[in-house]
Structures are given as C-alpha cells and as structure tokens.
C-alpha cells in the first residue's frame, strides 16, 4: 500500500495529538 504525503502527515499529526492527550491525562492522574 502506498501512502501519500498528506496521509503520512495526518497519521503523524494524529499520533502527536493522541500522545499529548495521553501525557496530559497521565499528569492529571499522577497529581
């Protein structure tokens, strides 16, 4: 399967947002 640049960018952006939300949730639970 060939991914286009836009699909790769969307995947990276989604992963980044998910990581940030998970980090914020982890910090909130830690406190």
C-alpha atoms as a PDB file:
ATOM      1  CA  UNK A   1       0.000   0.000   0.000  1.00  0.00           C
ATOM      2  CA  UNK A   2       1.379   3.388  -0.969  1.00  0.00           C
ATOM      3  CA  UNK A   3       0.799   6.315   1.353  1.00  0.00           C
ATOM      4  CA  UNK A   4       0.637   9.854   0.085  1.00  0.00           C
ATOM      5  CA  UNK A   5       2.380  12.717   1.859  1.00  0.00           C
ATOM      6  CA  UNK A   6      -0.945  14.031   3.149  1.00  0.00           C
ATOM      7  CA  UNK A   7      -1.874  10.651   4.644  1.00  0.00           C
ATOM      8  CA  UNK A   8       1.529  10.405   6.337  1.00  0.00           C
ATOM      9  CA  UNK A   9       1.169  13.946   7.717  1.00  0.00           C
ATOM     10  CA  UNK A  10      -2.331  13.190   9.031  1.00  0.00           C
ATOM     11  CA  UNK A  11      -1.087   9.989  10.686  1.00  0.00           C
ATOM     12  CA  UNK A  12       1.822  11.804  12.354  1.00  0.00           C
ATOM     13  CA  UNK A  13      -0.428  14.677  13.476  1.00  0.00           C
ATOM     14  CA  UNK A  14      -2.985  12.237  14.920  1.00  0.00           C
ATOM     15  CA  UNK A  15      -0.255  10.343  16.771  1.00  0.00           C
ATOM     16  CA  UNK A  16       1.125  13.621  18.143  1.00  0.00           C
ATOM     17  CA  UNK A  17      -2.279  14.812  19.375  1.00  0.00           C
ATOM     18  CA  UNK A  18      -3.011  11.409  20.918  1.00  0.00           C
ATOM     19  CA  UNK A  19       0.372  11.431  22.658  1.00  0.00           C
ATOM     20  CA  UNK A  20      -0.219  14.916  24.060  1.00  0.00           C
ATOM     21  CA  UNK A  21      -3.678  13.991  25.348  1.00  0.00           C
ATOM     22  CA  UNK A  22      -2.320  10.792  26.915  1.00  0.00           C
ATOM     23  CA  UNK A  23       0.520  12.742  28.547  1.00  0.00           C
ATOM     24  CA  UNK A  24      -1.876  15.365  29.957  1.00  0.00           C
ATOM     25  CA  UNK A  25      -4.183  12.625  31.240  1.00  0.00           C
ATOM     26  CA  UNK A  26      -1.240  10.812  32.838  1.00  0.00           C
ATOM     27  CA  UNK A  27      -0.075  14.004  34.561  1.00  0.00           C
ATOM     28  CA  UNK A  28      -3.601  14.737  35.788  1.00  0.00           C
ATOM     29  CA  UNK A  29      -3.940  11.223  37.221  1.00  0.00           C
ATOM     30  CA  UNK A  30      -0.442  11.381  38.711  1.00  0.00           C
ATOM     31  CA  UNK A  31      -1.323  14.536  40.636  1.00  0.00           C
END
